[in-house]
């Protein structure tokens, strides 16, 4: 579910390039990346790109919603309920997967992400369709 309790699935974003980002409110690196993720969403969003930020904390919906608002997160934020979704080997945070318009994983990022690298990869995925 997202911060408003609405169920969401990766398949809802078919035809878009998605950065599926697993993060935590207690992860310093994750928090440091928030402005970069907002920049990425703002820059590539109009071209069919979105970030789905999956919070790995077991926060209440209202607590996560307040965090999202306070940090100006300009992309959908989903709740994991404290565990990794099935099918994703989450070995540490942050960890992200770039998913192409075709629904296939194009790249995996383990640890800190660099804006120029993710921008280049996402732009290539947007053009590949």
N, C-alpha and C. Protein backbone atom coordinates (compact mmCIF):
# COMPACT_ATOMS: atom_id res chain seq x y z
N UNK A 1 0.83 -1.21 0.00
CA UNK A 1 0.00 0.00 0.00
C UNK A 1 0.87 1.27 0.00
N UNK A 2 0.29 2.35 -0.55
CA UNK A 2 0.99 3.62 -0.48
C UNK A 2 0.67 4.31 0.85
N UNK A 3 1.11 5.54 1.03
CA UNK A 3 0.93 6.23 2.32
C UNK A 3 -0.53 6.56 2.61
N UNK A 4 -1.40 6.46 1.58
CA UNK A 4 -2.83 6.69 1.79
C UNK A 4 -3.60 5.37 1.93
N UNK A 5 -2.87 4.25 1.92
CA UNK A 5 -3.50 2.94 2.08
C UNK A 5 -3.95 2.30 0.78
N UNK A 6 -3.74 2.99 -0.35
CA UNK A 6 -4.14 2.44 -1.64
C UNK A 6 -3.13 1.39 -2.08
N UNK A 7 -3.64 0.21 -2.45
CA UNK A 7 -2.78 -0.87 -2.92
C UNK A 7 -2.16 -0.48 -4.26
N UNK A 8 -0.92 -0.84 -4.42
CA UNK A 8 -0.18 -0.52 -5.63
C UNK A 8 0.67 -1.72 -6.01
N UNK A 9 0.86 -1.88 -7.31
CA UNK A 9 1.70 -2.98 -7.81
C UNK A 9 2.57 -2.45 -8.94
N UNK A 10 3.69 -3.06 -9.15
CA UNK A 10 4.59 -2.66 -10.22
C UNK A 10 3.86 -2.72 -11.57
N UNK A 11 2.95 -3.66 -11.72
CA UNK A 11 2.21 -3.79 -12.98
C UNK A 11 1.32 -2.57 -13.27
N UNK A 12 1.01 -1.78 -12.24
CA UNK A 12 0.24 -0.55 -12.44
C UNK A 12 1.02 0.47 -13.26
N UNK A 13 2.32 0.28 -13.36
CA UNK A 13 3.21 1.23 -14.04
C UNK A 13 3.72 0.68 -15.36
N UNK A 14 3.03 -0.32 -15.90
CA UNK A 14 3.43 -0.90 -17.18
C UNK A 14 3.50 0.20 -18.23
N UNK A 15 4.58 0.16 -19.02
CA UNK A 15 4.78 1.17 -20.05
C UNK A 15 5.64 2.33 -19.58
N UNK A 16 5.95 2.37 -18.29
CA UNK A 16 6.83 3.40 -17.74
C UNK A 16 8.16 2.76 -17.37
N UNK A 17 9.17 3.58 -17.26
CA UNK A 17 10.44 3.15 -16.70
C UNK A 17 10.36 3.48 -15.21
N UNK A 18 10.65 2.49 -14.37
CA UNK A 18 10.48 2.64 -12.93
C UNK A 18 11.79 2.38 -12.21
N UNK A 19 12.13 3.27 -11.29
CA UNK A 19 13.22 3.00 -10.37
C UNK A 19 12.56 2.51 -9.08
N UNK A 20 12.63 1.22 -8.84
CA UNK A 20 12.06 0.60 -7.65
C UNK A 20 13.13 0.69 -6.56
N UNK A 21 12.94 1.62 -5.64
CA UNK A 21 13.97 1.97 -4.65
C UNK A 21 13.56 1.48 -3.26
N UNK A 22 14.36 0.60 -2.67
CA UNK A 22 14.13 0.11 -1.32
C UNK A 22 14.99 0.93 -0.37
N UNK A 23 14.38 1.48 0.66
CA UNK A 23 15.05 2.41 1.55
C UNK A 23 14.46 2.34 2.95
N UNK A 24 15.05 3.12 3.87
CA UNK A 24 14.58 3.17 5.25
C UNK A 24 14.75 4.58 5.80
N UNK A 25 13.88 4.96 6.70
CA UNK A 25 13.99 6.28 7.34
C UNK A 25 15.16 6.34 8.31
N UNK A 26 15.74 5.21 8.65
CA UNK A 26 16.88 5.18 9.57
C UNK A 26 18.21 4.99 8.85
N UNK A 27 18.19 4.95 7.54
CA UNK A 27 19.39 4.74 6.72
C UNK A 27 19.91 6.11 6.27
N UNK A 28 21.07 6.50 6.78
CA UNK A 28 21.64 7.82 6.45
C UNK A 28 21.86 7.98 4.95
N UNK A 29 22.37 6.96 4.30
CA UNK A 29 22.59 7.04 2.86
C UNK A 29 21.27 7.23 2.12
N UNK A 30 20.26 6.52 2.55
CA UNK A 30 18.93 6.64 1.93
C UNK A 30 18.42 8.07 2.06
N UNK A 31 18.55 8.65 3.23
CA UNK A 31 18.07 10.01 3.47
C UNK A 31 18.87 11.02 2.65
N UNK A 32 20.15 10.77 2.50
CA UNK A 32 21.01 11.64 1.72
C UNK A 32 20.59 11.64 0.24
N UNK A 33 20.03 10.53 -0.23
CA UNK A 33 19.63 10.39 -1.63
C UNK A 33 18.29 11.06 -1.96
N UNK A 34 17.49 11.42 -0.97
CA UNK A 34 16.15 11.94 -1.24
C UNK A 34 16.15 13.14 -2.19
N UNK A 35 17.00 14.16 -2.00
CA UNK A 35 17.00 15.28 -2.95
C UNK A 35 17.37 14.84 -4.37
N UNK A 36 18.29 13.90 -4.49
CA UNK A 36 18.69 13.39 -5.80
C UNK A 36 17.51 12.68 -6.47
N UNK A 37 16.77 11.90 -5.71
CA UNK A 37 15.62 11.19 -6.27
C UNK A 37 14.54 12.18 -6.72
N UNK A 38 14.32 13.25 -5.94
CA UNK A 38 13.37 14.28 -6.35
C UNK A 38 13.80 14.93 -7.66
N UNK A 39 15.10 15.22 -7.80
CA UNK A 39 15.63 15.81 -9.02
C UNK A 39 15.41 14.87 -10.21
N UNK A 40 15.69 13.60 -10.00
CA UNK A 40 15.52 12.59 -11.05
C UNK A 40 14.06 12.51 -11.49
N UNK A 41 13.14 12.49 -10.53
CA UNK A 41 11.72 12.41 -10.84
C UNK A 41 11.27 13.65 -11.61
N UNK A 42 11.72 14.81 -11.17
CA UNK A 42 11.35 16.06 -11.83
C UNK A 42 11.88 16.11 -13.26
N UNK A 43 13.11 15.66 -13.45
CA UNK A 43 13.76 15.72 -14.76
C UNK A 43 13.17 14.73 -15.76
N UNK A 44 12.94 13.48 -15.33
CA UNK A 44 12.53 12.43 -16.26
C UNK A 44 11.05 12.04 -16.19
N UNK A 45 10.36 12.49 -15.15
CA UNK A 45 8.95 12.15 -14.99
C UNK A 45 8.10 12.44 -16.21
N UNK A 46 8.26 13.62 -16.82
CA UNK A 46 7.44 13.92 -18.01
C UNK A 46 7.68 12.99 -19.19
N UNK A 47 8.78 12.27 -19.19
CA UNK A 47 9.11 11.36 -20.29
C UNK A 47 8.62 9.92 -20.06
N UNK A 48 7.93 9.67 -18.94
CA UNK A 48 7.43 8.32 -18.67
C UNK A 48 8.23 7.56 -17.64
N UNK A 49 8.88 8.28 -16.75
CA UNK A 49 9.70 7.70 -15.68
C UNK A 49 9.04 7.97 -14.34
N UNK A 50 9.15 7.01 -13.43
CA UNK A 50 8.71 7.26 -12.05
C UNK A 50 9.57 6.47 -11.09
N UNK A 51 9.61 6.96 -9.88
CA UNK A 51 10.27 6.26 -8.78
C UNK A 51 9.18 5.67 -7.92
N UNK A 52 9.34 4.43 -7.53
CA UNK A 52 8.50 3.81 -6.50
C UNK A 52 9.42 3.54 -5.33
N UNK A 53 9.26 4.30 -4.28
CA UNK A 53 10.12 4.19 -3.11
C UNK A 53 9.44 3.28 -2.09
N UNK A 54 10.03 2.12 -1.85
CA UNK A 54 9.46 1.14 -0.92
C UNK A 54 10.16 1.29 0.43
N UNK A 55 9.43 1.80 1.41
CA UNK A 55 9.99 1.98 2.75
C UNK A 55 10.00 0.64 3.47
N UNK A 56 11.17 0.25 3.93
CA UNK A 56 11.33 -1.05 4.57
C UNK A 56 11.06 -1.01 6.06
N UNK A 57 10.71 0.16 6.60
CA UNK A 57 10.41 0.30 8.02
C UNK A 57 9.00 -0.19 8.33
N UNK A 58 8.78 -0.57 9.55
CA UNK A 58 7.45 -0.96 10.01
C UNK A 58 6.78 0.25 10.65
N UNK A 59 6.65 1.34 9.90
CA UNK A 59 6.02 2.56 10.39
C UNK A 59 4.52 2.50 10.17
N UNK A 60 3.80 3.26 10.96
CA UNK A 60 2.37 3.41 10.70
C UNK A 60 2.20 4.22 9.42
N UNK A 61 1.04 4.10 8.80
CA UNK A 61 0.77 4.85 7.58
C UNK A 61 0.86 6.35 7.85
N UNK A 62 0.33 6.78 8.99
CA UNK A 62 0.37 8.21 9.30
C UNK A 62 1.79 8.70 9.57
N UNK A 63 2.61 7.86 10.20
CA UNK A 63 4.00 8.22 10.45
C UNK A 63 4.79 8.35 9.15
N UNK A 64 4.58 7.41 8.24
CA UNK A 64 5.27 7.45 6.96
C UNK A 64 4.77 8.63 6.12
N UNK A 65 3.47 8.87 6.15
CA UNK A 65 2.90 9.99 5.40
C UNK A 65 3.50 11.31 5.88
N UNK A 66 3.64 11.46 7.19
CA UNK A 66 4.25 12.68 7.75
C UNK A 66 5.70 12.80 7.30
N UNK A 67 6.44 11.70 7.31
CA UNK A 67 7.83 11.70 6.87
C UNK A 67 7.93 12.13 5.41
N UNK A 68 7.07 11.59 4.56
CA UNK A 68 7.06 11.91 3.13
C UNK A 68 6.78 13.41 2.94
N UNK A 69 5.82 13.92 3.66
CA UNK A 69 5.46 15.33 3.55
C UNK A 69 6.61 16.22 4.03
N UNK A 70 7.19 15.89 5.18
CA UNK A 70 8.29 16.67 5.76
C UNK A 70 9.52 16.69 4.86
N UNK A 71 9.72 15.63 4.09
CA UNK A 71 10.91 15.52 3.24
C UNK A 71 10.64 15.83 1.78
N UNK A 72 9.43 16.28 1.48
CA UNK A 72 9.09 16.71 0.13
C UNK A 72 9.30 15.66 -0.94
N UNK A 73 8.99 14.42 -0.62
CA UNK A 73 9.18 13.33 -1.58
C UNK A 73 8.13 13.45 -2.70
N UNK A 74 8.60 13.64 -3.93
CA UNK A 74 7.74 13.96 -5.06
C UNK A 74 7.45 12.74 -5.94
N UNK A 75 7.35 11.59 -5.32
CA UNK A 75 7.12 10.34 -6.05
C UNK A 75 6.38 9.40 -5.12
N UNK A 76 5.75 8.35 -5.66
CA UNK A 76 4.99 7.43 -4.82
C UNK A 76 5.88 6.71 -3.79
N UNK A 77 5.38 6.63 -2.57
CA UNK A 77 6.07 5.93 -1.49
C UNK A 77 5.16 4.81 -1.01
N UNK A 78 5.71 3.61 -0.99
CA UNK A 78 4.95 2.42 -0.60
C UNK A 78 5.47 1.88 0.71
N UNK A 79 4.62 1.17 1.42
CA UNK A 79 4.98 0.56 2.70
C UNK A 79 5.22 -0.93 2.52
N UNK A 80 6.34 -1.42 3.04
CA UNK A 80 6.61 -2.86 2.95
C UNK A 80 6.12 -3.60 4.18
N UNK A 81 5.86 -2.86 5.25
CA UNK A 81 5.47 -3.50 6.50
C UNK A 81 6.65 -4.09 7.25
N UNK A 82 7.85 -3.72 6.85
CA UNK A 82 9.05 -4.17 7.55
C UNK A 82 9.77 -5.34 6.90
N UNK A 83 9.23 -5.87 5.81
CA UNK A 83 9.89 -6.99 5.13
C UNK A 83 10.02 -6.76 3.65
N UNK A 84 10.91 -7.48 3.03
CA UNK A 84 11.12 -7.36 1.59
C UNK A 84 10.01 -8.10 0.83
N UNK A 85 9.53 -7.52 -0.25
CA UNK A 85 8.55 -8.22 -1.07
C UNK A 85 9.15 -9.49 -1.66
N UNK A 86 8.34 -10.51 -1.87
CA UNK A 86 8.85 -11.75 -2.44
C UNK A 86 9.46 -11.51 -3.82
N UNK A 87 10.54 -12.21 -4.12
CA UNK A 87 11.16 -12.12 -5.42
C UNK A 87 12.31 -11.14 -5.52
N UNK A 88 12.50 -10.34 -4.49
CA UNK A 88 13.60 -9.38 -4.50
C UNK A 88 14.58 -9.76 -3.40
N UNK A 89 15.81 -9.98 -3.78
CA UNK A 89 16.85 -10.26 -2.80
C UNK A 89 17.40 -8.94 -2.28
N UNK A 90 16.90 -8.49 -1.16
CA UNK A 90 17.36 -7.21 -0.60
C UNK A 90 18.45 -7.53 0.41
N UNK A 91 19.67 -7.10 0.08
CA UNK A 91 20.83 -7.45 0.89
C UNK A 91 21.34 -6.29 1.73
N UNK A 92 20.81 -5.13 1.54
CA UNK A 92 21.21 -3.94 2.28
C UNK A 92 20.48 -2.75 1.70
N UNK A 93 20.55 -1.64 2.38
CA UNK A 93 19.86 -0.45 1.93
C UNK A 93 20.85 0.69 1.77
N UNK A 94 20.62 1.54 0.81
CA UNK A 94 19.58 1.45 -0.21
C UNK A 94 19.93 0.41 -1.28
N UNK A 95 18.89 -0.07 -1.90
CA UNK A 95 19.03 -0.98 -3.03
C UNK A 95 17.91 -0.66 -4.00
N UNK A 96 18.22 -0.64 -5.28
CA UNK A 96 17.21 -0.24 -6.26
C UNK A 96 17.33 -1.09 -7.52
N UNK A 97 16.22 -1.13 -8.25
CA UNK A 97 16.15 -1.85 -9.51
C UNK A 97 15.55 -0.91 -10.55
N UNK A 98 16.21 -0.78 -11.68
CA UNK A 98 15.66 -0.01 -12.79
C UNK A 98 14.88 -0.98 -13.66
N UNK A 99 13.58 -0.73 -13.78
CA UNK A 99 12.69 -1.61 -14.53
C UNK A 99 12.27 -0.90 -15.82
N UNK A 100 12.48 -1.57 -16.94
CA UNK A 100 12.14 -0.98 -18.23
C UNK A 100 10.65 -0.99 -18.50
N UNK A 101 10.29 -0.32 -19.57
CA UNK A 101 8.87 -0.25 -19.96
C UNK A 101 8.28 -1.64 -20.21
N UNK A 102 9.14 -2.59 -20.52
CA UNK A 102 8.71 -3.96 -20.79
C UNK A 102 8.54 -4.78 -19.51
N UNK A 103 8.83 -4.19 -18.36
CA UNK A 103 8.67 -4.88 -17.08
C UNK A 103 9.88 -5.68 -16.64
N UNK A 104 10.94 -5.67 -17.43
CA UNK A 104 12.15 -6.41 -17.08
C UNK A 104 13.15 -5.51 -16.37
N UNK A 105 13.87 -6.09 -15.41
CA UNK A 105 14.90 -5.35 -14.69
C UNK A 105 16.06 -5.09 -15.64
N UNK A 106 16.44 -3.83 -15.75
CA UNK A 106 17.53 -3.41 -16.63
C UNK A 106 18.84 -3.25 -15.87
N UNK A 107 18.73 -2.86 -14.61
CA UNK A 107 19.94 -2.65 -13.81
C UNK A 107 19.58 -2.71 -12.33
N UNK A 108 20.54 -3.15 -11.54
CA UNK A 108 20.40 -3.18 -10.09
C UNK A 108 21.46 -2.27 -9.49
N UNK A 109 21.05 -1.49 -8.50
CA UNK A 109 21.97 -0.59 -7.79
C UNK A 109 22.02 -1.04 -6.33
N UNK A 110 23.20 -1.35 -5.87
CA UNK A 110 23.38 -1.74 -4.47
C UNK A 110 24.21 -0.66 -3.80
N UNK A 111 23.68 -0.08 -2.75
CA UNK A 111 24.37 1.01 -2.07
C UNK A 111 24.01 2.34 -2.68
N UNK A 112 24.83 3.35 -2.41
CA UNK A 112 24.53 4.71 -2.88
C UNK A 112 24.46 4.78 -4.41
N UNK A 113 23.52 5.61 -4.87
CA UNK A 113 23.36 5.82 -6.31
C UNK A 113 23.91 7.20 -6.67
N UNK A 114 24.43 7.32 -7.88
CA UNK A 114 24.93 8.59 -8.39
C UNK A 114 23.92 9.12 -9.40
N UNK A 115 23.57 10.40 -9.28
CA UNK A 115 22.56 11.02 -10.14
C UNK A 115 22.89 10.84 -11.62
N UNK A 116 24.12 11.10 -12.01
CA UNK A 116 24.46 11.02 -13.43
C UNK A 116 24.32 9.59 -13.97
N UNK A 117 24.70 8.60 -13.17
CA UNK A 117 24.59 7.21 -13.62
C UNK A 117 23.13 6.78 -13.77
N UNK A 118 22.31 7.08 -12.78
CA UNK A 118 20.90 6.68 -12.85
C UNK A 118 20.18 7.45 -13.95
N UNK A 119 20.51 8.73 -14.12
CA UNK A 119 19.91 9.53 -15.19
C UNK A 119 20.25 8.93 -16.55
N UNK A 120 21.51 8.58 -16.75
CA UNK A 120 21.95 7.98 -18.02
C UNK A 120 21.25 6.64 -18.26
N UNK A 121 21.19 5.80 -17.24
CA UNK A 121 20.56 4.49 -17.38
C UNK A 121 19.06 4.61 -17.65
N UNK A 122 18.40 5.51 -16.91
CA UNK A 122 16.96 5.69 -17.08
C UNK A 122 16.64 6.29 -18.46
N UNK A 123 17.44 7.25 -18.90
CA UNK A 123 17.23 7.84 -20.22
C UNK A 123 17.39 6.79 -21.32
N UNK A 124 18.37 5.92 -21.18
CA UNK A 124 18.57 4.84 -22.15
C UNK A 124 17.36 3.90 -22.16
N UNK A 125 16.83 3.60 -20.98
CA UNK A 125 15.67 2.72 -20.89
C UNK A 125 14.43 3.39 -21.50
N UNK A 126 14.31 4.69 -21.32
CA UNK A 126 13.19 5.42 -21.89
C UNK A 126 13.25 5.41 -23.42
N UNK A 127 14.46 5.52 -23.97
CA UNK A 127 14.64 5.55 -25.43
C UNK A 127 14.52 4.17 -26.05
N UNK A 128 14.73 3.11 -25.28
CA UNK A 128 14.77 1.75 -25.81
C UNK A 128 13.42 1.20 -26.21
N UNK A 129 12.36 1.83 -25.84
CA UNK A 129 11.04 1.28 -26.08
C UNK A 129 10.50 1.66 -27.43
